[in-house]
Amino acid sequence: MNDWMNASTYNKLATSADFVAKLPNLKYSNIDSIKPYATSLMHCIDKVNLGFKVAEIGATCMITLGLNKL
């Protein structure tokens, strides 16, 4: 989580977009179409700092945001 907290907004958004792009049912035509989802995920991960791995927090945030149902 320390790497995440010290990362630039650009890198956080790119990591979040990677997470979102891997959703099995998500259909997208270009990276810009997933940017709103990635941005929401990035903000969610930013709010959590409980000592968990970023991937674990990201998965929880994706469920909380309903991204797993896209």
C-alpha atoms as a PDB file:
ATOM      1  CA  MET A   1       0.000   0.000   0.000  1.00  0.00           C
ATOM      2  CA  ASN A   2       2.954   2.330   0.543  1.00  0.00           C
ATOM      3  CA  ASP A   3       3.781   2.161  -3.168  1.00  0.00           C
ATOM      4  CA  TRP A   4       0.190   3.110  -3.966  1.00  0.00           C
ATOM      5  CA  MET A   5       0.142   6.026  -1.557  1.00  0.00           C
ATOM      6  CA  ASN A   6       3.396   7.385  -3.016  1.00  0.00           C
ATOM      7  CA  ALA A   7       2.426   6.826  -6.657  1.00  0.00           C
ATOM      8  CA  SER A   8       1.426   9.623  -8.993  1.00  0.00           C
ATOM      9  CA  THR A   9      -2.215  10.064  -9.922  1.00  0.00           C
ATOM     10  CA  TYR A  10      -1.327   8.930 -13.440  1.00  0.00           C
ATOM     11  CA  ASN A  11       0.122   5.629 -12.159  1.00  0.00           C
ATOM     12  CA  LYS A  12      -2.807   5.069  -9.802  1.00  0.00           C
ATOM     13  CA  LEU A  13      -5.254   5.633 -12.645  1.00  0.00           C
ATOM     14  CA  ALA A  14      -3.305   3.293 -14.924  1.00  0.00           C
ATOM     15  CA  THR A  15      -3.293   0.548 -12.288  1.00  0.00           C
ATOM     16  CA  SER A  16      -7.002   1.031 -11.666  1.00  0.00           C
ATOM     17  CA  ALA A  17      -7.665   0.837 -15.411  1.00  0.00           C
ATOM     18  CA  ASP A  18      -5.718  -2.434 -15.534  1.00  0.00           C
ATOM     19  CA  PHE A  19      -7.945  -3.852 -12.793  1.00  0.00           C
ATOM     20  CA  VAL A  20     -11.147  -2.692 -14.516  1.00  0.00           C
ATOM     21  CA  ALA A  21     -10.036  -3.903 -17.953  1.00  0.00           C
ATOM     22  CA  LYS A  22      -9.677  -7.432 -16.575  1.00  0.00           C
ATOM     23  CA  LEU A  23     -13.335  -7.684 -15.577  1.00  0.00           C
ATOM     24  CA  PRO A  24     -14.626 -10.685 -17.531  1.00  0.00           C
ATOM     25  CA  ASN A  25     -17.963  -9.217 -18.641  1.00  0.00           C
ATOM     26  CA  LEU A  26     -16.795  -5.688 -19.392  1.00  0.00           C
ATOM     27  CA  LYS A  27     -17.036  -4.734 -23.040  1.00  0.00           C
ATOM     28  CA  TYR A  28     -15.144  -1.612 -24.025  1.00  0.00           C
ATOM     29  CA  SER A  29     -14.045  -0.099 -27.299  1.00  0.00           C
ATOM     30  CA  ASN A  30     -11.120   1.946 -26.014  1.00  0.00           C
ATOM     31  CA  ILE A  31      -9.376   2.889 -22.797  1.00  0.00           C
ATOM     32  CA  ASP A  32     -11.313   6.160 -22.529  1.00  0.00           C
ATOM     33  CA  SER A  33     -14.553   4.231 -22.130  1.00  0.00           C
ATOM     34  CA  ILE A  34     -13.326   2.645 -18.880  1.00  0.00           C
ATOM     35  CA  LYS A  35     -11.779   5.815 -17.473  1.00  0.00           C
ATOM     36  CA  PRO A  36     -14.858   6.723 -15.346  1.00  0.00           C
ATOM     37  CA  TYR A  37     -14.788   3.267 -13.749  1.00  0.00           C
ATOM     38  CA  ALA A  38     -11.034   3.422 -13.218  1.00  0.00           C
ATOM     39  CA  THR A  39     -11.325   6.864 -11.664  1.00  0.00           C
ATOM     40  CA  SER A  40     -13.992   5.673  -9.217  1.00  0.00           C
ATOM     41  CA  LEU A  41     -11.876   2.676  -8.322  1.00  0.00           C
ATOM     42  CA  MET A  42      -8.786   4.844  -7.823  1.00  0.00           C
ATOM     43  CA  HIS A  43     -10.658   7.141  -5.429  1.00  0.00           C
ATOM     44  CA  CYS A  44     -12.012   4.176  -3.499  1.00  0.00           C
ATOM     45  CA  ILE A  45      -8.557   2.635  -3.088  1.00  0.00           C
ATOM     46  CA  ASP A  46      -7.177   6.035  -2.045  1.00  0.00           C
ATOM     47  CA  LYS A  47      -9.681   6.203   0.814  1.00  0.00           C
ATOM     48  CA  VAL A  48      -8.654   2.846   2.252  1.00  0.00           C
ATOM     49  CA  ASN A  49      -5.377   2.486   4.111  1.00  0.00           C
ATOM     50  CA  LEU A  50      -5.683  -0.577   6.292  1.00  0.00           C
ATOM     51  CA  GLY A  51      -2.450  -2.379   5.532  1.00  0.00           C
ATOM     52  CA  PHE A  52      -3.955  -4.677   2.908  1.00  0.00           C
ATOM     53  CA  LYS A  53      -2.521  -5.282  -0.551  1.00  0.00           C
ATOM     54  CA  VAL A  54      -3.745  -2.925  -3.262  1.00  0.00           C
ATOM     55  CA  ALA A  55      -5.200  -5.849  -5.240  1.00  0.00           C
ATOM     56  CA  GLU A  56      -7.282  -6.915  -2.212  1.00  0.00           C
ATOM     57  CA  ILE A  57      -8.545  -3.389  -1.633  1.00  0.00           C
ATOM     58  CA  GLY A  58      -9.176  -2.998  -5.350  1.00  0.00           C
ATOM     59  CA  ALA A  59     -11.260  -6.163  -5.467  1.00  0.00           C
ATOM     60  CA  THR A  60     -13.311  -5.017  -2.487  1.00  0.00           C
ATOM     61  CA  CYS A  61     -13.804  -1.580  -4.019  1.00  0.00           C
ATOM     62  CA  MET A  62     -14.857  -3.101  -7.344  1.00  0.00           C
ATOM     63  CA  ILE A  63     -17.576  -5.076  -5.569  1.00  0.00           C
ATOM     64  CA  THR A  64     -18.616  -2.075  -3.484  1.00  0.00           C
ATOM     65  CA  LEU A  65     -18.855   0.122  -6.583  1.00  0.00           C
ATOM     66  CA  GLY A  66     -20.778  -2.566  -8.462  1.00  0.00           C
ATOM     67  CA  LEU A  67     -18.094  -2.878 -11.128  1.00  0.00           C
ATOM     68  CA  ASN A  68     -18.219  -6.648 -10.848  1.00  0.00           C
ATOM     69  CA  LYS A  69     -21.724  -6.522 -12.406  1.00  0.00           C
ATOM     70  CA  LEU A  70     -20.755  -4.643 -15.566  1.00  0.00           C
END
